[in-house]
Amino acid sequence: MDTTVYHHYQWRFYPKDYQLQNQTNKETQNLAKSHNSPVKYFQNNKIYRATNGIYVRSTHELYILNKLLSVSFFEIYYERPLTAGGCNKIPDFTIINKRTNIVYHWEHFGMKNNEAYMDSRSDKIKWYHKIGYKEIDNGGRLILTIYENDKQFTLSVKDKISKIMI
């Protein structure tokens, strides 16, 4: 391949903030109070260690948890069971803003290539709506994220966290 004509190529260098890491780095802070899951749910799949020592299943969850941990007035529960409407569900994260005492539930849907998982995602969102939850973008307490690419995802996480910091 001839690379001598440089204007034919688009070089894309993403800032460090837009790149997901598969491990916790030195800059990540652990300021929030946090709790591990009381449920032993797919325990062997938890291989990524957050700054607070909690193990999560994916680099996406690792990124979300580490960003949440950097906010001192959050209390964070990883996979805390939620019972409502006669059903038990396990949100990825339950976040309490200790300044406002508002409780948020965060669901991240990262396995886009798994059809059964994506079908269950739809059912889970319907369940949240049925029990009265609205998305954060509509003034509610339900945070939903879906991974498309690193830049989109990191910007979405930062946007959602900024909305619950108020």
Protein backbone atom coordinates (compact mmCIF):
# COMPACT_ATOMS: atom_id res chain seq x y z
CA MET A 1 0.00 0.00 0.00
CA ASP A 2 1.34 3.41 -0.99
CA THR A 3 1.14 5.85 1.93
CA THR A 4 3.10 8.70 0.35
CA VAL A 5 -0.01 10.75 -0.47
CA TYR A 6 -1.05 11.66 3.06
CA HIS A 7 -4.12 13.71 2.20
CA HIS A 8 -5.87 10.48 1.09
CA TYR A 9 -5.95 9.19 4.64
CA GLN A 10 -7.95 10.20 7.66
CA TRP A 11 -5.97 9.86 10.84
CA ARG A 12 -8.16 9.59 13.89
CA PHE A 13 -6.63 9.99 17.28
CA TYR A 14 -9.12 9.98 20.11
CA PRO A 15 -8.33 11.77 23.32
CA LYS A 16 -7.65 9.45 26.24
CA ASP A 17 -11.09 10.30 27.69
CA TYR A 18 -12.80 8.63 24.72
CA GLN A 19 -10.95 5.33 25.03
CA LEU A 20 -12.23 2.52 27.21
CA GLN A 21 -9.67 0.76 29.35
CA ASN A 22 -9.85 -2.84 30.51
CA GLN A 23 -8.34 -1.96 33.85
CA THR A 24 -8.48 0.81 36.40
CA ASN A 25 -5.82 3.47 35.95
CA LYS A 26 -4.00 5.63 38.50
CA GLU A 27 -6.05 8.74 37.72
CA THR A 28 -9.34 7.12 38.73
CA GLN A 29 -10.54 8.25 42.15
CA ASN A 30 -12.60 6.36 44.69
CA LEU A 31 -14.55 9.11 46.47
CA ALA A 32 -18.07 7.68 46.63
CA LYS A 33 -19.45 5.17 49.09
CA SER A 34 -20.03 1.87 47.31
CA HIS A 35 -21.48 -1.58 47.90
CA ASN A 36 -20.96 -4.86 46.12
CA SER A 37 -23.80 -7.05 44.95
CA PRO A 38 -25.42 -9.25 47.59
CA VAL A 39 -26.50 -11.55 44.74
CA LYS A 40 -24.06 -14.08 43.34
CA TYR A 41 -25.27 -13.56 39.78
CA PHE A 42 -22.88 -14.82 37.04
CA GLN A 43 -20.07 -14.34 39.56
CA ASN A 44 -17.42 -16.01 37.35
CA ASN A 45 -17.95 -13.40 34.61
CA LYS A 46 -16.84 -10.55 36.86
CA ILE A 47 -13.23 -10.04 35.79
CA TYR A 48 -12.68 -6.26 35.70
CA ARG A 49 -11.69 -4.62 39.00
CA ALA A 50 -12.89 -1.08 39.73
CA THR A 51 -11.06 1.39 41.99
CA ASN A 52 -13.18 0.33 44.96
CA GLY A 53 -12.23 -3.34 44.52
CA ILE A 54 -15.60 -4.41 43.12
CA TYR A 55 -15.41 -6.74 40.13
CA VAL A 56 -17.70 -6.10 37.16
CA ARG A 57 -18.40 -8.00 33.93
CA SER A 58 -17.34 -5.63 31.17
CA THR A 59 -15.13 -2.69 30.33
CA HIS A 60 -18.36 -0.71 29.87
CA GLU A 61 -19.48 -1.40 33.45
CA LEU A 62 -15.93 -0.69 34.63
CA TYR A 63 -15.98 2.70 32.93
CA ILE A 64 -19.41 3.59 34.36
CA LEU A 65 -18.54 2.48 37.90
CA ASN A 66 -15.19 4.27 37.95
CA LYS A 67 -16.83 7.49 36.73
CA LEU A 68 -19.57 7.18 39.38
CA LEU A 69 -16.95 6.56 42.07
CA SER A 70 -15.34 9.91 41.33
CA VAL A 71 -18.40 11.76 42.70
CA SER A 72 -18.09 12.04 46.48
CA PHE A 73 -21.80 12.55 47.19
CA PHE A 74 -22.95 9.38 45.42
CA GLU A 75 -23.68 6.12 47.16
CA ILE A 76 -23.41 3.32 44.61
CA TYR A 77 -24.72 -0.23 44.69
CA TYR A 78 -23.59 -2.71 42.07
CA GLU A 79 -26.35 -5.16 41.11
CA ARG A 80 -28.61 -4.39 44.05
CA PRO A 81 -31.91 -6.29 43.65
CA LEU A 82 -35.02 -4.23 42.93
CA THR A 83 -38.46 -5.65 43.67
CA ALA A 84 -41.50 -3.86 42.26
CA GLY A 85 -44.68 -4.74 40.45
CA GLY A 86 -44.44 -8.34 41.62
CA CYS A 87 -41.07 -8.87 39.88
CA ASN A 88 -37.45 -9.00 40.94
CA LYS A 89 -34.86 -7.34 38.70
CA ILE A 90 -31.17 -6.58 39.12
CA PRO A 91 -30.22 -3.14 37.80
CA ASP A 92 -26.55 -2.76 36.93
CA PHE A 93 -26.20 0.20 39.28
CA THR A 94 -28.35 1.84 41.93
CA ILE A 95 -27.13 5.35 42.69
CA ILE A 96 -28.23 7.53 45.58
CA ASN A 97 -27.42 11.21 45.25
CA LYS A 98 -26.82 12.00 48.94
CA ARG A 99 -27.38 15.73 48.36
CA THR A 100 -30.90 15.23 47.00
CA ASN A 101 -31.71 11.73 48.35
CA ILE A 102 -32.91 10.78 44.87
CA VAL A 103 -32.38 7.14 43.89
CA TYR A 104 -31.47 6.35 40.29
CA HIS A 105 -31.25 3.01 38.52
CA TRP A 106 -28.76 2.54 35.69
CA GLU A 107 -29.08 -0.16 33.07
CA HIS A 108 -26.30 -0.59 30.56
CA PHE A 109 -26.99 -2.77 27.54
CA GLY A 110 -23.69 -3.79 26.06
CA MET A 111 -24.21 -7.12 24.30
CA LYS A 112 -25.68 -5.83 21.05
CA ASN A 113 -24.78 -8.99 19.13
CA ASN A 114 -26.73 -11.29 21.45
CA GLU A 115 -30.32 -11.48 20.20
CA ALA A 116 -31.77 -13.06 23.36
CA TYR A 117 -30.09 -10.40 25.48
CA MET A 118 -31.48 -7.62 23.29
CA ASP A 119 -34.98 -9.11 23.57
CA SER A 120 -34.68 -9.18 27.36
CA ARG A 121 -33.53 -5.54 27.23
CA SER A 122 -36.84 -4.55 25.68
CA ASP A 123 -38.75 -6.48 28.35
CA LYS A 124 -36.72 -4.86 31.12
CA ILE A 125 -37.37 -1.34 29.80
CA LYS A 126 -41.11 -2.10 29.53
CA TRP A 127 -41.05 -3.33 33.14
CA TYR A 128 -39.45 -0.08 34.32
CA HIS A 129 -42.10 1.94 32.49
CA LYS A 130 -44.85 -0.26 33.94
CA ILE A 131 -43.70 0.47 37.52
CA GLY A 132 -43.61 4.21 36.82
CA TYR A 133 -40.01 4.92 35.88
CA LYS A 134 -39.11 7.50 33.26
CA GLU A 135 -35.74 7.93 31.56
CA ILE A 136 -33.37 10.56 32.92
CA ASP A 137 -33.65 12.48 29.64
CA ASN A 138 -37.38 12.91 30.37
CA GLY A 139 -36.93 14.03 33.97
CA GLY A 140 -37.01 10.52 35.43
CA ARG A 141 -34.72 8.32 37.51
CA LEU A 142 -33.90 5.61 34.97
CA ILE A 143 -30.56 5.80 33.19
CA LEU A 144 -30.12 3.73 30.04
CA THR A 145 -26.92 3.39 28.05
CA ILE A 146 -26.12 1.36 24.97
CA TYR A 147 -22.63 0.99 23.57
CA GLU A 148 -22.10 2.03 19.94
CA ASN A 149 -18.46 3.13 20.01
CA ASP A 150 -16.00 4.44 22.59
CA LYS A 151 -16.55 8.13 21.89
CA GLN A 152 -20.36 7.91 21.88
CA PHE A 153 -20.35 5.79 25.02
CA THR A 154 -17.95 7.92 27.08
CA LEU A 155 -19.83 11.10 26.16
CA SER A 156 -23.16 9.46 27.02
CA VAL A 157 -21.89 8.30 30.44
CA LYS A 158 -20.56 11.76 31.26
CA ASP A 159 -23.86 13.33 30.17
CA LYS A 160 -25.92 10.94 32.32
CA ILE A 161 -23.71 11.51 35.37
CA SER A 162 -23.94 15.28 34.97
CA LYS A 163 -27.75 14.98 34.98
CA ILE A 164 -27.82 13.10 38.29
CA MET A 165 -25.30 15.39 39.99
CA ILE A 166 -27.83 18.22 40.14
